[in-house]
């Protein structure tokens, strides 16, 4: 059975991925790139064992998920060639 921290890390990982899927819906390139970056960041910290560091990383992931969900916008080309900004 997974430890409590492992479960928290998995939840944080899924939360960040879910936020990127929402923010970049319909943009295959950005979905792939963001998923790869999220995976890379989590893999880089896989072996962190300090409780304080783990807590900080979990808080960072929560903050990243919130930031992506509320602050990322996508510009889409209008028929005139201008860009309209749509809040996600």
PDB file of N, CA and C in Angstrom:
ATOM      1  N   UNK A   1       0.848  -1.183   0.000  1.00  0.00           N
ATOM      2  CA  UNK A   1       0.000   0.000   0.000  1.00  0.00           C
ATOM      3  C   UNK A   1       0.890   1.243   0.000  1.00  0.00           C
ATOM      4  N   UNK A   2       0.473   2.249  -0.711  1.00  0.00           N
ATOM      5  CA  UNK A   2       1.257   3.480  -0.829  1.00  0.00           C
ATOM      6  C   UNK A   2       1.184   4.286   0.461  1.00  0.00           C
ATOM      7  N   UNK A   3       2.301   4.968   0.742  1.00  0.00           N
ATOM      8  CA  UNK A   3       2.323   5.804   1.940  1.00  0.00           C
ATOM      9  C   UNK A   3       1.436   7.021   1.732  1.00  0.00           C
ATOM     10  N   UNK A   4       1.115   7.690   2.813  1.00  0.00           N
ATOM     11  CA  UNK A   4       0.282   8.886   2.746  1.00  0.00           C
ATOM     12  C   UNK A   4       0.884   9.965   1.874  1.00  0.00           C
ATOM     13  N   UNK A   5       2.204  10.141   1.971  1.00  0.00           N
ATOM     14  CA  UNK A   5       2.874  11.163   1.155  1.00  0.00           C
ATOM     15  C   UNK A   5       2.851  10.800  -0.319  1.00  0.00           C
ATOM     16  N   UNK A   6       2.988   9.505  -0.619  1.00  0.00           N
ATOM     17  CA  UNK A   6       2.931   9.063  -2.017  1.00  0.00           C
ATOM     18  C   UNK A   6       1.557   9.352  -2.608  1.00  0.00           C
ATOM     19  N   UNK A   7       0.524   9.124  -1.826  1.00  0.00           N
ATOM     20  CA  UNK A   7      -0.837   9.403  -2.275  1.00  0.00           C
ATOM     21  C   UNK A   7      -1.011  10.909  -2.489  1.00  0.00           C
ATOM     22  N   UNK A   8      -0.481  11.718  -1.573  1.00  0.00           N
ATOM     23  CA  UNK A   8      -0.553  13.179  -1.726  1.00  0.00           C
ATOM     24  C   UNK A   8       0.177  13.624  -2.982  1.00  0.00           C
ATOM     25  N   UNK A   9       1.337  13.035  -3.237  1.00  0.00           N
ATOM     26  CA  UNK A   9       2.113  13.402  -4.425  1.00  0.00           C
ATOM     27  C   UNK A   9       1.352  13.031  -5.696  1.00  0.00           C
ATOM     28  N   UNK A  10       0.738  11.876  -5.707  1.00  0.00           N
ATOM     29  CA  UNK A  10      -0.039  11.455  -6.865  1.00  0.00           C
ATOM     30  C   UNK A  10      -1.227  12.382  -7.087  1.00  0.00           C
ATOM     31  N   UNK A  11      -1.890  12.767  -6.020  1.00  0.00           N
ATOM     32  CA  UNK A  11      -3.009  13.715  -6.133  1.00  0.00           C
ATOM     33  C   UNK A  11      -2.537  15.056  -6.682  1.00  0.00           C
ATOM     34  N   UNK A  12      -1.392  15.517  -6.188  1.00  0.00           N
ATOM     35  CA  UNK A  12      -0.833  16.785  -6.661  1.00  0.00           C
ATOM     36  C   UNK A  12      -0.485  16.679  -8.144  1.00  0.00           C
ATOM     37  N   UNK A  13       0.126  15.586  -8.535  1.00  0.00           N
ATOM     38  CA  UNK A  13       0.489  15.354  -9.937  1.00  0.00           C
ATOM     39  C   UNK A  13      -0.754  15.393 -10.824  1.00  0.00           C
ATOM     40  N   UNK A  14      -1.764  14.667 -10.417  1.00  0.00           N
ATOM     41  CA  UNK A  14      -3.012  14.631 -11.194  1.00  0.00           C
ATOM     42  C   UNK A  14      -3.678  16.001 -11.251  1.00  0.00           C
ATOM     43  N   UNK A  15      -3.608  16.734 -10.160  1.00  0.00           N
ATOM     44  CA  UNK A  15      -4.197  18.070 -10.118  1.00  0.00           C
ATOM     45  C   UNK A  15      -3.522  19.018 -11.104  1.00  0.00           C
ATOM     46  N   UNK A  16      -2.205  18.966 -11.157  1.00  0.00           N
ATOM     47  CA  UNK A  16      -1.477  19.827 -12.099  1.00  0.00           C
ATOM     48  C   UNK A  16      -1.797  19.408 -13.531  1.00  0.00           C
ATOM     49  N   UNK A  17      -1.818  18.102 -13.797  1.00  0.00           N
ATOM     50  CA  UNK A  17      -2.155  17.643 -15.144  1.00  0.00           C
ATOM     51  C   UNK A  17      -3.575  18.044 -15.536  1.00  0.00           C
ATOM     52  N   UNK A  18      -4.497  17.934 -14.608  1.00  0.00           N
ATOM     53  CA  UNK A  18      -5.886  18.316 -14.881  1.00  0.00           C
ATOM     54  C   UNK A  18      -5.970  19.811 -15.220  1.00  0.00           C
ATOM     55  N   UNK A  19      -5.218  20.613 -14.492  1.00  0.00           N
ATOM     56  CA  UNK A  19      -5.202  22.052 -14.764  1.00  0.00           C
ATOM     57  C   UNK A  19      -4.651  22.335 -16.157  1.00  0.00           C
ATOM     58  N   UNK A  20      -3.587  21.615 -16.553  1.00  0.00           N
ATOM     59  CA  UNK A  20      -3.028  21.841 -17.888  1.00  0.00           C
ATOM     60  C   UNK A  20      -4.002  21.384 -18.971  1.00  0.00           C
ATOM     61  N   UNK A  21      -4.728  20.303 -18.721  1.00  0.00           N
ATOM     62  CA  UNK A  21      -5.717  19.837 -19.696  1.00  0.00           C
ATOM     63  C   UNK A  21      -6.825  20.864 -19.877  1.00  0.00           C
ATOM     64  N   UNK A  22      -7.205  21.507 -18.814  1.00  0.00           N
ATOM     65  CA  UNK A  22      -8.233  22.543 -18.896  1.00  0.00           C
ATOM     66  C   UNK A  22      -7.690  23.780 -19.605  1.00  0.00           C
ATOM     67  N   UNK A  23      -6.492  24.203 -19.239  1.00  0.00           N
ATOM     68  CA  UNK A  23      -5.916  25.429 -19.791  1.00  0.00           C
ATOM     69  C   UNK A  23      -5.569  25.294 -21.269  1.00  0.00           C
ATOM     70  N   UNK A  24      -5.131  24.107 -21.677  1.00  0.00           N
ATOM     71  CA  UNK A  24      -4.661  23.926 -23.043  1.00  0.00           C
ATOM     72  C   UNK A  24      -5.557  23.016 -23.879  1.00  0.00           C
ATOM     73  N   UNK A  25      -6.820  22.946 -23.515  1.00  0.00           N
ATOM     74  CA  UNK A  25      -7.765  22.109 -24.256  1.00  0.00           C
ATOM     75  C   UNK A  25      -7.741  22.491 -25.733  1.00  0.00           C
ATOM     76  N   UNK A  26      -7.615  21.484 -26.572  1.00  0.00           N
ATOM     77  CA  UNK A  26      -7.607  21.723 -28.012  1.00  0.00           C
ATOM     78  C   UNK A  26      -6.252  22.081 -28.589  1.00  0.00           C
ATOM     79  N   UNK A  27      -5.249  22.228 -27.754  1.00  0.00           N
ATOM     80  CA  UNK A  27      -3.900  22.580 -28.201  1.00  0.00           C
ATOM     81  C   UNK A  27      -2.983  21.382 -27.920  1.00  0.00           C
ATOM     82  N   UNK A  28      -2.936  20.476 -28.870  1.00  0.00           N
ATOM     83  CA  UNK A  28      -2.209  19.224 -28.686  1.00  0.00           C
ATOM     84  C   UNK A  28      -0.745  19.450 -28.333  1.00  0.00           C
ATOM     85  N   UNK A  29      -0.103  20.363 -29.015  1.00  0.00           N
ATOM     86  CA  UNK A  29       1.312  20.619 -28.752  1.00  0.00           C
ATOM     87  C   UNK A  29       1.526  21.050 -27.303  1.00  0.00           C
ATOM     88  N   UNK A  30       0.750  22.014 -26.823  1.00  0.00           N
ATOM     89  CA  UNK A  30       0.911  22.499 -25.451  1.00  0.00           C
ATOM     90  C   UNK A  30       0.526  21.442 -24.429  1.00  0.00           C
ATOM     91  N   UNK A  31      -0.462  20.628 -24.745  1.00  0.00           N
ATOM     92  CA  UNK A  31      -0.826  19.538 -23.837  1.00  0.00           C
ATOM     93  C   UNK A  31       0.336  18.559 -23.683  1.00  0.00           C
ATOM     94  N   UNK A  32       0.960  18.202 -24.792  1.00  0.00           N
ATOM     95  CA  UNK A  32       2.086  17.273 -24.732  1.00  0.00           C
ATOM     96  C   UNK A  32       3.273  17.884 -24.003  1.00  0.00           C
ATOM     97  N   UNK A  33       3.587  19.131 -24.322  1.00  0.00           N
ATOM     98  CA  UNK A  33       4.737  19.788 -23.708  1.00  0.00           C
ATOM     99  C   UNK A  33       4.533  19.998 -22.207  1.00  0.00           C
ATOM    100  N   UNK A  34       3.333  20.434 -21.836  1.00  0.00           N
ATOM    101  CA  UNK A  34       3.084  20.676 -20.414  1.00  0.00           C
ATOM    102  C   UNK A  34       3.084  19.369 -19.626  1.00  0.00           C
ATOM    103  N   UNK A  35       2.525  18.307 -20.200  1.00  0.00           N
ATOM    104  CA  UNK A  35       2.532  17.012 -19.522  1.00  0.00           C
ATOM    105  C   UNK A  35       3.967  16.514 -19.336  1.00  0.00           C
ATOM    106  N   UNK A  36       4.796  16.704 -20.352  1.00  0.00           N
ATOM    107  CA  UNK A  36       6.199  16.285 -20.255  1.00  0.00           C
ATOM    108  C   UNK A  36       6.932  17.093 -19.184  1.00  0.00           C
ATOM    109  N   UNK A  37       6.660  18.373 -19.109  1.00  0.00           N
ATOM    110  CA  UNK A  37       7.320  19.229 -18.107  1.00  0.00           C
ATOM    111  C   UNK A  37       6.869  18.875 -16.691  1.00  0.00           C
ATOM    112  N   UNK A  38       5.586  18.640 -16.513  1.00  0.00           N
ATOM    113  CA  UNK A  38       5.072  18.246 -15.199  1.00  0.00           C
ATOM    114  C   UNK A  38       5.713  16.925 -14.771  1.00  0.00           C
ATOM    115  N   UNK A  39       5.749  15.981 -15.679  1.00  0.00           N
ATOM    116  CA  UNK A  39       6.358  14.679 -15.380  1.00  0.00           C
ATOM    117  C   UNK A  39       7.830  14.846 -14.997  1.00  0.00           C
ATOM    118  N   UNK A  40       8.553  15.666 -15.765  1.00  0.00           N
ATOM    119  CA  UNK A  40       9.969  15.906 -15.509  1.00  0.00           C
ATOM    120  C   UNK A  40      10.183  16.476 -14.112  1.00  0.00           C
ATOM    121  N   UNK A  41       9.370  17.468 -13.737  1.00  0.00           N
ATOM    122  CA  UNK A  41       9.521  18.103 -12.422  1.00  0.00           C
ATOM    123  C   UNK A  41       9.249  17.117 -11.293  1.00  0.00           C
ATOM    124  N   UNK A  42       8.227  16.307 -11.448  1.00  0.00           N
ATOM    125  CA  UNK A  42       7.927  15.324 -10.408  1.00  0.00           C
ATOM    126  C   UNK A  42       9.018  14.259 -10.343  1.00  0.00           C
ATOM    127  N   UNK A  43       9.515  13.822 -11.491  1.00  0.00           N
ATOM    128  CA  UNK A  43      10.589  12.822 -11.515  1.00  0.00           C
ATOM    129  C   UNK A  43      11.863  13.358 -10.866  1.00  0.00           C
ATOM    130  N   UNK A  44      12.166  14.629 -11.098  1.00  0.00           N
ATOM    131  CA  UNK A  44      13.358  15.243 -10.505  1.00  0.00           C
ATOM    132  C   UNK A  44      13.332  15.173  -8.982  1.00  0.00           C
ATOM    133  N   UNK A  45      12.146  15.153  -8.418  1.00  0.00           N
ATOM    134  CA  UNK A  45      12.000  15.203  -6.962  1.00  0.00           C
ATOM    135  C   UNK A  45      11.525  13.885  -6.367  1.00  0.00           C
ATOM    136  N   UNK A  46      11.561  12.838  -7.143  1.00  0.00           N
ATOM    137  CA  UNK A  46      11.074  11.524  -6.705  1.00  0.00           C
ATOM    138  C   UNK A  46      11.763  11.034  -5.438  1.00  0.00           C
ATOM    139  N   UNK A  47      13.035  11.317  -5.292  1.00  0.00           N
ATOM    140  CA  UNK A  47      13.807  10.755  -4.184  1.00  0.00           C
ATOM    141  C   UNK A  47      14.001  11.719  -3.012  1.00  0.00           C
ATOM    142  N   UNK A  48      13.255  12.813  -3.008  1.00  0.00           N
ATOM    143  CA  UNK A  48      13.339  13.739  -1.878  1.00  0.00           C
ATOM    144  C   UNK A  48      12.786  13.025  -0.649  1.00  0.00           C
ATOM    145  N   UNK A  49      13.514  13.103   0.450  1.00  0.00           N
ATOM    146  CA  UNK A  49      13.074  12.384   1.646  1.00  0.00           C
ATOM    147  C   UNK A  49      12.833  13.295   2.848  1.00  0.00           C
ATOM    148  N   UNK A  50      13.315  14.509   2.801  1.00  0.00           N
ATOM    149  CA  UNK A  50      13.108  15.445   3.895  1.00  0.00           C
ATOM    150  C   UNK A  50      11.631  15.841   3.964  1.00  0.00           C
ATOM    151  N   UNK A  51      11.057  15.666   5.130  1.00  0.00           N
ATOM    152  CA  UNK A  51       9.634  15.988   5.315  1.00  0.00           C
ATOM    153  C   UNK A  51       9.344  17.449   4.966  1.00  0.00           C
ATOM    154  N   UNK A  52      10.229  18.344   5.363  1.00  0.00           N
ATOM    155  CA  UNK A  52      10.044  19.773   5.065  1.00  0.00           C
ATOM    156  C   UNK A  52      10.091  20.026   3.559  1.00  0.00           C
ATOM    157  N   UNK A  53      11.013  19.377   2.869  1.00  0.00           N
ATOM    158  CA  UNK A  53      11.118  19.542   1.417  1.00  0.00           C
ATOM    159  C   UNK A  53       9.902  18.958   0.704  1.00  0.00           C
ATOM    160  N   UNK A  54       9.446  17.812   1.165  1.00  0.00           N
ATOM    161  CA  UNK A  54       8.266  17.189   0.570  1.00  0.00           C
ATOM    162  C   UNK A  54       7.059  18.106   0.739  1.00  0.00           C
ATOM    163  N   UNK A  55       6.895  18.659   1.927  1.00  0.00           N
ATOM    164  CA  UNK A  55       5.774  19.559   2.170  1.00  0.00           C
ATOM    165  C   UNK A  55       5.843  20.784   1.262  1.00  0.00           C
ATOM    166  N   UNK A  56       7.041  21.341   1.102  1.00  0.00           N
ATOM    167  CA  UNK A  56       7.219  22.508   0.238  1.00  0.00           C
ATOM    168  C   UNK A  56       6.890  22.157  -1.208  1.00  0.00           C
ATOM    169  N   UNK A  57       7.335  21.001  -1.667  1.00  0.00           N
ATOM    170  CA  UNK A  57       7.064  20.584  -3.039  1.00  0.00           C
ATOM    171  C   UNK A  57       5.573  20.344  -3.277  1.00  0.00           C
ATOM    172  N   UNK A  58       4.897  19.769  -2.295  1.00  0.00           N
ATOM    173  CA  UNK A  58       3.447  19.570  -2.422  1.00  0.00           C
ATOM    174  C   UNK A  58       2.721  20.913  -2.474  1.00  0.00           C
ATOM    175  N   UNK A  59       3.169  21.860  -1.661  1.00  0.00           N
ATOM    176  CA  UNK A  59       2.579  23.200  -1.698  1.00  0.00           C
ATOM    177  C   UNK A  59       2.856  23.880  -3.038  1.00  0.00           C
ATOM    178  N   UNK A  60       4.060  23.697  -3.566  1.00  0.00           N
ATOM    179  CA  UNK A  60       4.402  24.255  -4.872  1.00  0.00           C
ATOM    180  C   UNK A  60       3.498  23.679  -5.962  1.00  0.00           C
ATOM    181  N   UNK A  61       3.233  22.387  -5.899  1.00  0.00           N
ATOM    182  CA  UNK A  61       2.370  21.746  -6.894  1.00  0.00           C
ATOM    183  C   UNK A  61       0.942  22.276  -6.793  1.00  0.00           C
ATOM    184  N   UNK A  62       0.461  22.454  -5.574  1.00  0.00           N
ATOM    185  CA  UNK A  62      -0.881  23.008  -5.378  1.00  0.00           C
ATOM    186  C   UNK A  62      -0.953  24.426  -5.934  1.00  0.00           C
ATOM    187  N   UNK A  63       0.073  25.202  -5.670  1.00  0.00           N
ATOM    188  CA  UNK A  63       0.147  26.571  -6.173  1.00  0.00           C
ATOM    189  C   UNK A  63       0.211  26.587  -7.704  1.00  0.00           C
ATOM    190  N   UNK A  64       0.984  25.693  -8.277  1.00  0.00           N
ATOM    191  CA  UNK A  64       1.098  25.618  -9.737  1.00  0.00           C
ATOM    192  C   UNK A  64      -0.243  25.263 -10.363  1.00  0.00           C
ATOM    193  N   UNK A  65      -0.934  24.314  -9.775  1.00  0.00           N
ATOM    194  CA  UNK A  65      -2.246  23.923 -10.280  1.00  0.00           C
ATOM    195  C   UNK A  65      -3.215  25.091 -10.249  1.00  0.00           C
ATOM    196  N   UNK A  66      -3.215  25.807  -9.154  1.00  0.00           N
ATOM    197  CA  UNK A  66      -4.087  26.970  -9.015  1.00  0.00           C
ATOM    198  C   UNK A  66      -3.715  28.061 -10.017  1.00  0.00           C
ATOM    199  N   UNK A  67      -2.424  28.314 -10.164  1.00  0.00           N
ATOM    200  CA  UNK A  67      -1.958  29.330 -11.101  1.00  0.00           C
ATOM    201  C   UNK A  67      -2.369  28.981 -12.527  1.00  0.00           C
ATOM    202  N   UNK A  68      -2.124  27.747 -12.928  1.00  0.00           N
ATOM    203  CA  UNK A  68      -2.472  27.321 -14.280  1.00  0.00           C
ATOM    204  C   UNK A  68      -3.971  27.453 -14.513  1.00  0.00           C
ATOM    205  N   UNK A  69      -4.758  27.073 -13.525  1.00  0.00           N
ATOM    206  CA  UNK A  69      -6.218  27.106 -13.657  1.00  0.00           C
ATOM    207  C   UNK A  69      -6.784  28.512 -13.732  1.00  0.00           C
ATOM    208  N   UNK A  70      -6.135  29.457 -13.068  1.00  0.00           N
ATOM    209  CA  UNK A  70      -6.726  30.797 -12.978  1.00  0.00           C
ATOM    210  C   UNK A  70      -5.998  31.875 -13.768  1.00  0.00           C
ATOM    211  N   UNK A  71      -4.736  31.649 -14.106  1.00  0.00           N
ATOM    212  CA  UNK A  71      -3.958  32.730 -14.714  1.00  0.00           C
ATOM    213  C   UNK A  71      -3.544  32.494 -16.168  1.00  0.00           C
ATOM    214  N   UNK A  72      -3.661  31.297 -16.658  1.00  0.00           N
ATOM    215  CA  UNK A  72      -3.266  31.009 -18.038  1.00  0.00           C
ATOM    216  C   UNK A  72      -4.421  31.365 -18.964  1.00  0.00           C
ATOM    217  N   UNK A  73      -4.088  32.115 -19.988  1.00  0.00           N
ATOM    218  CA  UNK A  73      -5.087  32.448 -21.002  1.00  0.00           C
ATOM    219  C   UNK A  73      -4.541  32.020 -22.354  1.00  0.00           C
ATOM    220  N   UNK A  74      -5.434  31.791 -23.283  1.00  0.00           N
ATOM    221  CA  UNK A  74      -5.013  31.443 -24.632  1.00  0.00           C
ATOM    222  C   UNK A  74      -5.576  32.471 -25.589  1.00  0.00           C
ATOM    223  N   UNK A  75      -4.740  32.900 -26.511  1.00  0.00           N
ATOM    224  CA  UNK A  75      -5.175  33.813 -27.556  1.00  0.00           C
ATOM    225  C   UNK A  75      -5.536  32.976 -28.778  1.00  0.00           C
ATOM    226  N   UNK A  76      -6.640  33.298 -29.388  1.00  0.00           N
ATOM    227  CA  UNK A  76      -7.064  32.576 -30.583  1.00  0.00           C
ATOM    228  C   UNK A  76      -7.239  33.582 -31.709  1.00  0.00           C
ATOM    229  N   UNK A  77      -6.803  33.192 -32.887  1.00  0.00           N
ATOM    230  CA  UNK A  77      -6.921  34.073 -34.044  1.00  0.00           C
ATOM    231  C   UNK A  77      -8.388  34.237 -34.422  1.00  0.00           C
ATOM    232  N   UNK A  78      -8.762  35.480 -34.684  1.00  0.00           N
ATOM    233  CA  UNK A  78     -10.104  35.772 -35.172  1.00  0.00           C
ATOM    234  C   UNK A  78     -10.058  35.734 -36.696  1.00  0.00           C
ATOM    235  N   UNK A  79     -11.205  35.713 -37.346  1.00  0.00           N
ATOM    236  CA  UNK A  79     -11.200  35.690 -38.816  1.00  0.00           C
ATOM    237  C   UNK A  79     -10.442  36.872 -39.439  1.00  0.00           C
ATOM    238  N   UNK A  80     -10.373  38.002 -38.745  1.00  0.00           N
ATOM    239  CA  UNK A  80      -9.666  39.166 -39.281  1.00  0.00           C
ATOM    240  C   UNK A  80      -8.151  39.059 -39.113  1.00  0.00           C
ATOM    241  N   UNK A  81      -7.697  38.066 -38.390  1.00  0.00           N
ATOM    242  CA  UNK A  81      -6.269  37.904 -38.178  1.00  0.00           C
ATOM    243  C   UNK A  81      -5.794  38.454 -36.836  1.00  0.00           C
ATOM    244  N   UNK A  82      -6.668  39.159 -36.146  1.00  0.00           N
ATOM    245  CA  UNK A  82      -6.325  39.660 -34.801  1.00  0.00           C
ATOM    246  C   UNK A  82      -6.441  38.495 -33.825  1.00  0.00           C
ATOM    247  N   UNK A  83      -5.990  38.731 -32.624  1.00  0.00           N
ATOM    248  CA  UNK A  83      -6.088  37.684 -31.619  1.00  0.00           C
ATOM    249  C   UNK A  83      -7.064  38.103 -30.540  1.00  0.00           C
ATOM    250  N   UNK A  84      -7.966  37.208 -30.211  1.00  0.00           N
ATOM    251  CA  UNK A  84      -8.889  37.412 -29.107  1.00  0.00           C
ATOM    252  C   UNK A  84      -8.387  36.584 -27.937  1.00  0.00           C
ATOM    253  N   UNK A  85      -8.486  37.132 -26.775  1.00  0.00           N
ATOM    254  CA  UNK A  85      -8.016  36.412 -25.586  1.00  0.00           C
ATOM    255  C   UNK A  85      -9.221  35.837 -24.855  1.00  0.00           C
ATOM    256  N   UNK A  86      -9.131  34.574 -24.576  1.00  0.00           N
ATOM    257  CA  UNK A  86     -10.199  33.865 -23.893  1.00  0.00           C
ATOM    258  C   UNK A  86      -9.692  33.396 -22.552  1.00  0.00           C
ATOM    259  N   UNK A  87     -10.370  33.795 -21.519  1.00  0.00           N
ATOM    260  CA  UNK A  87      -9.998  33.327 -20.182  1.00  0.00           C
ATOM    261  C   UNK A  87     -10.491  31.906 -20.046  1.00  0.00           C
ATOM    262  N   UNK A  88      -9.656  31.077 -19.541  1.00  0.00           N
ATOM    263  CA  UNK A  88      -9.985  29.659 -19.399  1.00  0.00           C
ATOM    264  C   UNK A  88     -10.759  29.468 -18.118  1.00  0.00           C
TER     265      UNK A  88
END
